[in-house]
Amino acid sequence: MDKLKTRSNLTLTETLTMQIEQDIVEGRLKPGEKLEEEVLAARFSASRTPVREALRTLATVGLVRFLPRYGATVTKPTMSEVMELFEVVAEMEAAAARLCCLRATDEEIARLIEYHELCEVEARNGTAESYFEANTQFHRTIWSAAGNHVLEDQIVLLDRRLSPYRRFITFNPGRQQEAVAEHANIAEAIRNRDEAATVQAMRDHVAVLGGDVMALARNLRL
């Protein structure tokens, strides 16, 4: 049984939603895995009603799917669906990077470079988890500095759906070092206020490579 930590300003359903989502994006709940309300309720010492509500909330963002006469499962997209999601988020992140290039303050660019340097440190000496967190902060700094809340909200929504697959790719041996070099290109282009270079660098960084696709399909059985 897991101890459910409920924040004072969150309802039980919201807390359950956050915990189940975390289990999905961190790979403890696998694509296609059945989500039994009774099992989750017992695990978190909760009734089935808030668990059911949490699963329905996660279905609205694409992390959970309800199948007729079967119930809730962790969403298991096809490989083509994953590719399409990466294509969309690559274009959205490229748009955010372009706006960041135009609108970011000197302080925001300095913060972006600090997160890039932190990624370098974590890639050399940290864990996969610590690197992933630094990488997330690098990207979130760009989304925020773009100054477009609608775009930022949509990227965050897609990032939640893609997080299990991004984590898998990021944790591949050697990928962190490649990503750090790509971050350097992005940060330098933004610092130089070079829109074209920024957009291309971000697209190249977010795009899924053929080897990544094959590894995803093989290991996650998509």
C-alpha atoms as a PDB file:
ATOM      1  CA  MET A   1       0.000   0.000   0.000  1.00  0.00           C
ATOM      2  CA  ASP A   2       1.337   3.459  -0.948  1.00  0.00           C
ATOM      3  CA  LYS A   3       0.952   6.403   1.367  1.00  0.00           C
ATOM      4  CA  LEU A   4      -0.994   9.077  -0.486  1.00  0.00           C
ATOM      5  CA  LYS A   5       0.266  12.562   0.307  1.00  0.00           C
ATOM      6  CA  THR A   6      -2.653  14.955  -0.021  1.00  0.00           C
ATOM      7  CA  ARG A   7      -1.770  18.624  -0.294  1.00  0.00           C
ATOM      8  CA  SER A   8      -4.006  20.875   1.760  1.00  0.00           C
ATOM      9  CA  ASN A   9      -5.188  22.818  -1.290  1.00  0.00           C
ATOM     10  CA  LEU A  10      -6.000  19.751  -3.411  1.00  0.00           C
ATOM     11  CA  THR A  11      -8.979  17.422  -3.342  1.00  0.00           C
ATOM     12  CA  LEU A  12      -8.494  13.685  -3.001  1.00  0.00           C
ATOM     13  CA  THR A  13      -9.395  13.229  -6.669  1.00  0.00           C
ATOM     14  CA  GLU A  14      -6.790  15.808  -7.736  1.00  0.00           C
ATOM     15  CA  THR A  15      -4.142  14.125  -5.600  1.00  0.00           C
ATOM     16  CA  LEU A  16      -4.991  10.694  -7.023  1.00  0.00           C
ATOM     17  CA  THR A  17      -4.883  12.139 -10.531  1.00  0.00           C
ATOM     18  CA  MET A  18      -1.389  13.519  -9.937  1.00  0.00           C
ATOM     19  CA  GLN A  19      -0.109  10.252  -8.461  1.00  0.00           C
ATOM     20  CA  ILE A  20      -1.514   7.994 -11.177  1.00  0.00           C
ATOM     21  CA  GLU A  21      -0.234  10.375 -13.859  1.00  0.00           C
ATOM     22  CA  GLN A  22       3.218  10.296 -12.277  1.00  0.00           C
ATOM     23  CA  ASP A  23       3.162   6.490 -12.278  1.00  0.00           C
ATOM     24  CA  ILE A  24       2.288   6.539 -15.991  1.00  0.00           C
ATOM     25  CA  VAL A  25       4.855   9.104 -17.122  1.00  0.00           C
ATOM     26  CA  GLU A  26       7.616   7.507 -15.034  1.00  0.00           C
ATOM     27  CA  GLY A  27       6.881   4.060 -16.441  1.00  0.00           C
ATOM     28  CA  ARG A  28       5.587   2.283 -13.349  1.00  0.00           C
ATOM     29  CA  LEU A  29       2.296   1.814 -15.195  1.00  0.00           C
ATOM     30  CA  LYS A  30       3.007   0.560 -18.717  1.00  0.00           C
ATOM     31  CA  PRO A  31       1.213   1.309 -22.011  1.00  0.00           C
ATOM     32  CA  GLY A  32      -1.747  -1.045 -22.346  1.00  0.00           C
ATOM     33  CA  GLU A  33      -1.778  -2.009 -18.656  1.00  0.00           C
ATOM     34  CA  LYS A  34      -5.263  -2.454 -17.183  1.00  0.00           C
ATOM     35  CA  LEU A  35      -6.139   0.013 -14.422  1.00  0.00           C
ATOM     36  CA  GLU A  36      -8.312  -1.781 -11.892  1.00  0.00           C
ATOM     37  CA  GLU A  37     -10.296   0.640  -9.759  1.00  0.00           C
ATOM     38  CA  GLU A  38     -10.335  -1.794  -6.825  1.00  0.00           C
ATOM     39  CA  VAL A  39      -6.568  -2.290  -6.947  1.00  0.00           C
ATOM     40  CA  LEU A  40      -5.838   1.443  -7.133  1.00  0.00           C
ATOM     41  CA  ALA A  41      -8.351   2.200  -4.385  1.00  0.00           C
ATOM     42  CA  ALA A  42      -6.729  -0.375  -2.081  1.00  0.00           C
ATOM     43  CA  ARG A  43      -3.245   0.870  -2.942  1.00  0.00           C
ATOM     44  CA  PHE A  44      -4.056   4.443  -1.984  1.00  0.00           C
ATOM     45  CA  SER A  45      -6.557   3.654   0.799  1.00  0.00           C
ATOM     46  CA  ALA A  46      -9.290   5.478  -1.097  1.00  0.00           C
ATOM     47  CA  SER A  47     -12.774   4.612  -2.297  1.00  0.00           C
ATOM     48  CA  ARG A  48     -13.443   3.711  -5.917  1.00  0.00           C
ATOM     49  CA  THR A  49     -15.322   6.950  -6.687  1.00  0.00           C
ATOM     50  CA  PRO A  50     -12.343   9.363  -6.550  1.00  0.00           C
ATOM     51  CA  VAL A  51     -10.213   6.764  -8.355  1.00  0.00           C
ATOM     52  CA  ARG A  52     -12.778   6.566 -11.159  1.00  0.00           C
ATOM     53  CA  GLU A  53     -12.914  10.364 -11.353  1.00  0.00           C
ATOM     54  CA  ALA A  54      -9.110  10.540 -11.505  1.00  0.00           C
ATOM     55  CA  LEU A  55      -9.010   8.015 -14.344  1.00  0.00           C
ATOM     56  CA  ARG A  56     -11.631   9.961 -16.283  1.00  0.00           C
ATOM     57  CA  THR A  57      -9.613  13.157 -15.829  1.00  0.00           C
ATOM     58  CA  LEU A  58      -6.517  11.418 -17.195  1.00  0.00           C
ATOM     59  CA  ALA A  59      -8.579  10.151 -20.131  1.00  0.00           C
ATOM     60  CA  THR A  60      -9.292  13.762 -21.131  1.00  0.00           C
ATOM     61  CA  VAL A  61      -5.550  14.411 -21.595  1.00  0.00           C
ATOM     62  CA  GLY A  62      -4.926  11.143 -23.419  1.00  0.00           C
ATOM     63  CA  LEU A  63      -3.029   9.199 -20.755  1.00  0.00           C
ATOM     64  CA  VAL A  64      -5.856   6.755 -19.992  1.00  0.00           C
ATOM     65  CA  ARG A  65      -8.267   5.043 -22.364  1.00  0.00           C
ATOM     66  CA  PHE A  66     -11.607   3.421 -21.557  1.00  0.00           C
ATOM     67  CA  LEU A  67     -12.367   0.323 -23.621  1.00  0.00           C
ATOM     68  CA  PRO A  68     -15.908  -1.083 -23.957  1.00  0.00           C
ATOM     69  CA  ARG A  69     -16.559  -4.075 -21.662  1.00  0.00           C
ATOM     70  CA  TYR A  70     -12.955  -3.930 -20.442  1.00  0.00           C
ATOM     71  CA  GLY A  71     -12.473  -0.728 -18.495  1.00  0.00           C
ATOM     72  CA  ALA A  72      -9.600   1.693 -18.091  1.00  0.00           C
ATOM     73  CA  THR A  73      -6.098   1.068 -19.412  1.00  0.00           C
ATOM     74  CA  VAL A  74      -2.953   3.114 -19.782  1.00  0.00           C
ATOM     75  CA  THR A  75      -3.148   4.520 -23.293  1.00  0.00           C
ATOM     76  CA  LYS A  76      -1.132   2.467 -25.761  1.00  0.00           C
ATOM     77  CA  PRO A  77      -0.822   4.473 -28.968  1.00  0.00           C
ATOM     78  CA  THR A  78       0.307   2.991 -32.233  1.00  0.00           C
ATOM     79  CA  MET A  79       3.804   3.828 -33.402  1.00  0.00           C
ATOM     80  CA  SER A  80       2.361   6.115 -36.064  1.00  0.00           C
ATOM     81  CA  GLU A  81       0.384   7.987 -33.389  1.00  0.00           C
ATOM     82  CA  VAL A  82       3.537   8.496 -31.323  1.00  0.00           C
ATOM     83  CA  MET A  83       5.332   9.787 -34.411  1.00  0.00           C
ATOM     84  CA  GLU A  84       2.491  12.202 -35.138  1.00  0.00           C
ATOM     85  CA  LEU A  85       2.577  13.498 -31.563  1.00  0.00           C
ATOM     86  CA  PHE A  86       6.322  14.101 -31.802  1.00  0.00           C
ATOM     87  CA  GLU A  87       5.852  15.892 -35.137  1.00  0.00           C
ATOM     88  CA  VAL A  88       3.263  18.224 -33.628  1.00  0.00           C
ATOM     89  CA  VAL A  89       5.218  18.977 -30.472  1.00  0.00           C
ATOM     90  CA  ALA A  90       8.386  19.588 -32.520  1.00  0.00           C
ATOM     91  CA  GLU A  91       6.586  22.300 -34.486  1.00  0.00           C
ATOM     92  CA  MET A  92       5.045  23.793 -31.350  1.00  0.00           C
ATOM     93  CA  GLU A  93       8.362  23.852 -29.501  1.00  0.00           C
ATOM     94  CA  ALA A  94      10.017  25.394 -32.575  1.00  0.00           C
ATOM     95  CA  ALA A  95       7.357  28.130 -32.521  1.00  0.00           C
ATOM     96  CA  ALA A  96       7.960  28.700 -28.809  1.00  0.00           C
ATOM     97  CA  ALA A  97      11.708  28.862 -29.376  1.00  0.00           C
ATOM     98  CA  ARG A  98      11.242  31.454 -32.143  1.00  0.00           C
ATOM     99  CA  LEU A  99       9.098  33.619 -29.869  1.00  0.00           C
ATOM    100  CA  CYS A 100      11.626  33.146 -27.069  1.00  0.00           C
ATOM    101  CA  CYS A 101      14.324  34.337 -29.458  1.00  0.00           C
ATOM    102  CA  LEU A 102      12.311  37.524 -30.073  1.00  0.00           C
ATOM    103  CA  ARG A 103      10.927  38.178 -26.595  1.00  0.00           C
ATOM    104  CA  ALA A 104      13.202  36.665 -23.953  1.00  0.00           C
ATOM    105  CA  THR A 105      14.841  39.089 -21.544  1.00  0.00           C
ATOM    106  CA  ASP A 106      18.563  38.940 -20.882  1.00  0.00           C
ATOM    107  CA  GLU A 107      17.742  37.416 -17.485  1.00  0.00           C
ATOM    108  CA  GLU A 108      15.656  34.653 -19.080  1.00  0.00           C
ATOM    109  CA  ILE A 109      18.424  33.865 -21.563  1.00  0.00           C
ATOM    110  CA  ALA A 110      20.926  33.730 -18.711  1.00  0.00           C
ATOM    111  CA  ARG A 111      18.619  31.302 -16.886  1.00  0.00           C
ATOM    112  CA  LEU A 112      18.337  29.174 -20.022  1.00  0.00           C
ATOM    113  CA  ILE A 113      22.123  28.964 -20.280  1.00  0.00           C
ATOM    114  CA  GLU A 114      22.315  28.014 -16.592  1.00  0.00           C
ATOM    115  CA  TYR A 115      19.929  25.102 -17.188  1.00  0.00           C
ATOM    116  CA  HIS A 116      21.947  24.066 -20.238  1.00  0.00           C
ATOM    117  CA  GLU A 117      25.082  24.016 -18.076  1.00  0.00           C
ATOM    118  CA  LEU A 118      23.208  22.022 -15.417  1.00  0.00           C
ATOM    119  CA  CYS A 119      22.233  19.504 -18.115  1.00  0.00           C
ATOM    120  CA  GLU A 120      25.928  19.168 -19.001  1.00  0.00           C
ATOM    121  CA  VAL A 121      26.795  18.444 -15.371  1.00  0.00           C
ATOM    122  CA  GLU A 122      23.964  15.945 -14.907  1.00  0.00           C
ATOM    123  CA  ALA A 123      24.799  14.170 -18.185  1.00  0.00           C
ATOM    124  CA  ARG A 124      28.356  13.618 -16.922  1.00  0.00           C
ATOM    125  CA  ASN A 125      27.833  12.933 -13.240  1.00  0.00           C
ATOM    126  CA  GLY A 126      24.129  12.685 -12.445  1.00  0.00           C
ATOM    127  CA  THR A 127      21.444  10.053 -12.737  1.00  0.00           C
ATOM    128  CA  ALA A 128      19.028   9.635 -15.611  1.00  0.00           C
ATOM    129  CA  GLU A 129      16.315  11.129 -13.393  1.00  0.00           C
ATOM    130  CA  SER A 130      18.360  14.190 -12.402  1.00  0.00           C
ATOM    131  CA  TYR A 131      19.291  14.796 -16.030  1.00  0.00           C
ATOM    132  CA  PHE A 132      15.649  14.471 -17.113  1.00  0.00           C
ATOM    133  CA  GLU A 133      14.625  17.079 -14.526  1.00  0.00           C
ATOM    134  CA  ALA A 134      17.317  19.530 -15.706  1.00  0.00           C
ATOM    135  CA  ASN A 135      16.268  18.887 -19.303  1.00  0.00           C
ATOM    136  CA  THR A 136      12.640  19.616 -18.403  1.00  0.00           C
ATOM    137  CA  GLN A 137      13.632  22.933 -16.809  1.00  0.00           C
ATOM    138  CA  PHE A 138      15.633  23.873 -19.921  1.00  0.00           C
ATOM    139  CA  HIS A 139      12.594  23.369 -22.136  1.00  0.00           C
ATOM    140  CA  ARG A 140      10.139  24.975 -19.720  1.00  0.00           C
ATOM    141  CA  THR A 141      12.302  28.098 -19.599  1.00  0.00           C
ATOM    142  CA  ILE A 142      11.902  28.453 -23.365  1.00  0.00           C
ATOM    143  CA  TRP A 143       8.146  27.843 -23.241  1.00  0.00           C
ATOM    144  CA  SER A 144       7.733  30.473 -20.539  1.00  0.00           C
ATOM    145  CA  ALA A 145      10.011  33.044 -22.182  1.00  0.00           C
ATOM    146  CA  ALA A 146       7.998  32.749 -25.413  1.00  0.00           C
ATOM    147  CA  GLY A 147       5.377  34.873 -23.712  1.00  0.00           C
ATOM    148  CA  ASN A 148       2.400  33.048 -25.239  1.00  0.00           C
ATOM    149  CA  HIS A 149       0.313  31.309 -22.582  1.00  0.00           C
ATOM    150  CA  VAL A 150      -1.958  29.517 -25.055  1.00  0.00           C
ATOM    151  CA  LEU A 151       1.031  27.977 -26.828  1.00  0.00           C
ATOM    152  CA  GLU A 152       2.682  27.092 -23.524  1.00  0.00           C
ATOM    153  CA  ASP A 153      -0.467  25.377 -22.232  1.00  0.00           C
ATOM    154  CA  GLN A 154      -0.773  23.276 -25.396  1.00  0.00           C
ATOM    155  CA  ILE A 155       2.887  22.229 -25.271  1.00  0.00           C
ATOM    156  CA  VAL A 156       2.516  21.222 -21.625  1.00  0.00           C
ATOM    157  CA  LEU A 157      -0.562  19.157 -22.498  1.00  0.00           C
ATOM    158  CA  LEU A 158       1.235  17.328 -25.314  1.00  0.00           C
ATOM    159  CA  ASP A 159       4.332  16.904 -23.170  1.00  0.00           C
ATOM    160  CA  ARG A 160       2.239  15.058 -20.579  1.00  0.00           C
ATOM    161  CA  ARG A 161       1.078  12.601 -23.242  1.00  0.00           C
ATOM    162  CA  LEU A 162       4.584  12.127 -24.636  1.00  0.00           C
ATOM    163  CA  SER A 163       6.456  12.017 -21.351  1.00  0.00           C
ATOM    164  CA  PRO A 164       6.676   8.186 -21.060  1.00  0.00           C
ATOM    165  CA  TYR A 165       8.222   8.012 -24.539  1.00  0.00           C
ATOM    166  CA  ARG A 166      10.468  11.038 -24.104  1.00  0.00           C
ATOM    167  CA  ARG A 167      11.796   9.528 -20.880  1.00  0.00           C
ATOM    168  CA  PHE A 168      12.563   6.258 -22.635  1.00  0.00           C
ATOM    169  CA  ILE A 169      14.473   8.027 -25.418  1.00  0.00           C
ATOM    170  CA  THR A 170      16.304  10.339 -22.994  1.00  0.00           C
ATOM    171  CA  PHE A 171      17.428   7.380 -20.885  1.00  0.00           C
ATOM    172  CA  ASN A 172      18.993   5.604 -23.861  1.00  0.00           C
ATOM    173  CA  PRO A 173      22.807   5.302 -23.498  1.00  0.00           C
ATOM    174  CA  GLY A 174      24.569   8.185 -25.219  1.00  0.00           C
ATOM    175  CA  ARG A 175      21.398  10.173 -25.881  1.00  0.00           C
ATOM    176  CA  GLN A 176      22.058  12.623 -23.043  1.00  0.00           C
ATOM    177  CA  GLN A 177      25.401  13.689 -24.499  1.00  0.00           C
ATOM    178  CA  GLU A 178      23.782  14.208 -27.902  1.00  0.00           C
ATOM    179  CA  ALA A 179      20.968  16.228 -26.340  1.00  0.00           C
ATOM    180  CA  VAL A 180      23.417  18.466 -24.470  1.00  0.00           C
ATOM    181  CA  ALA A 181      25.136  19.338 -27.756  1.00  0.00           C
ATOM    182  CA  GLU A 182      21.722  20.122 -29.263  1.00  0.00           C
ATOM    183  CA  HIS A 183      20.862  22.291 -26.253  1.00  0.00           C
ATOM    184  CA  ALA A 184      24.079  24.227 -26.862  1.00  0.00           C
ATOM    185  CA  ASN A 185      22.964  24.977 -30.426  1.00  0.00           C
ATOM    186  CA  ILE A 186      19.527  26.107 -29.241  1.00  0.00           C
ATOM    187  CA  ALA A 187      20.888  28.309 -26.446  1.00  0.00           C
ATOM    188  CA  GLU A 188      23.491  29.902 -28.717  1.00  0.00           C
ATOM    189  CA  ALA A 189      20.921  30.654 -31.434  1.00  0.00           C
ATOM    190  CA  ILE A 190      18.572  32.247 -28.894  1.00  0.00           C
ATOM    191  CA  ARG A 191      21.387  34.273 -27.361  1.00  0.00           C
ATOM    192  CA  ASN A 192      22.256  35.552 -30.863  1.00  0.00           C
ATOM    193  CA  ARG A 193      18.557  36.299 -31.561  1.00  0.00           C
ATOM    194  CA  ASP A 194      18.825  34.187 -34.722  1.00  0.00           C
ATOM    195  CA  GLU A 195      15.246  33.099 -35.464  1.00  0.00           C
ATOM    196  CA  ALA A 196      15.977  30.723 -38.345  1.00  0.00           C
ATOM    197  CA  ALA A 197      18.791  28.943 -36.527  1.00  0.00           C
ATOM    198  CA  THR A 198      16.711  28.698 -33.348  1.00  0.00           C
ATOM    199  CA  VAL A 199      13.734  27.124 -35.130  1.00  0.00           C
ATOM    200  CA  GLN A 200      15.890  24.591 -36.973  1.00  0.00           C
ATOM    201  CA  ALA A 201      17.898  23.690 -33.868  1.00  0.00           C
ATOM    202  CA  MET A 202      14.732  23.047 -31.854  1.00  0.00           C
ATOM    203  CA  ARG A 203      13.115  20.981 -34.617  1.00  0.00           C
ATOM    204  CA  ASP A 204      16.253  18.872 -34.921  1.00  0.00           C
ATOM    205  CA  HIS A 205      16.340  18.385 -31.146  1.00  0.00           C
ATOM    206  CA  VAL A 206      12.712  17.333 -30.635  1.00  0.00           C
ATOM    207  CA  ALA A 207      12.315  15.215 -33.773  1.00  0.00           C
ATOM    208  CA  VAL A 208      12.323  11.453 -33.193  1.00  0.00           C
ATOM    209  CA  LEU A 209      15.105   9.636 -35.008  1.00  0.00           C
ATOM    210  CA  GLY A 210      14.703   6.287 -36.739  1.00  0.00           C
ATOM    211  CA  GLY A 211      16.726   4.448 -34.127  1.00  0.00           C
ATOM    212  CA  ASP A 212      14.587   5.937 -31.360  1.00  0.00           C
ATOM    213  CA  VAL A 213      11.432   4.754 -33.091  1.00  0.00           C
ATOM    214  CA  MET A 214      12.713   1.208 -33.458  1.00  0.00           C
ATOM    215  CA  ALA A 215      13.831   1.085 -29.829  1.00  0.00           C
ATOM    216  CA  LEU A 216      10.458   2.395 -28.652  1.00  0.00           C
ATOM    217  CA  ALA A 217       8.531  -0.127 -30.713  1.00  0.00           C
ATOM    218  CA  ARG A 218      10.703  -3.014 -29.557  1.00  0.00           C
ATOM    219  CA  ASN A 219      10.803  -2.228 -25.847  1.00  0.00           C
ATOM    220  CA  LEU A 220       7.286  -0.863 -25.347  1.00  0.00           C
ATOM    221  CA  ARG A 221       5.676  -3.262 -27.872  1.00  0.00           C
ATOM    222  CA  LEU A 222       3.796  -0.474 -29.625  1.00  0.00           C
END
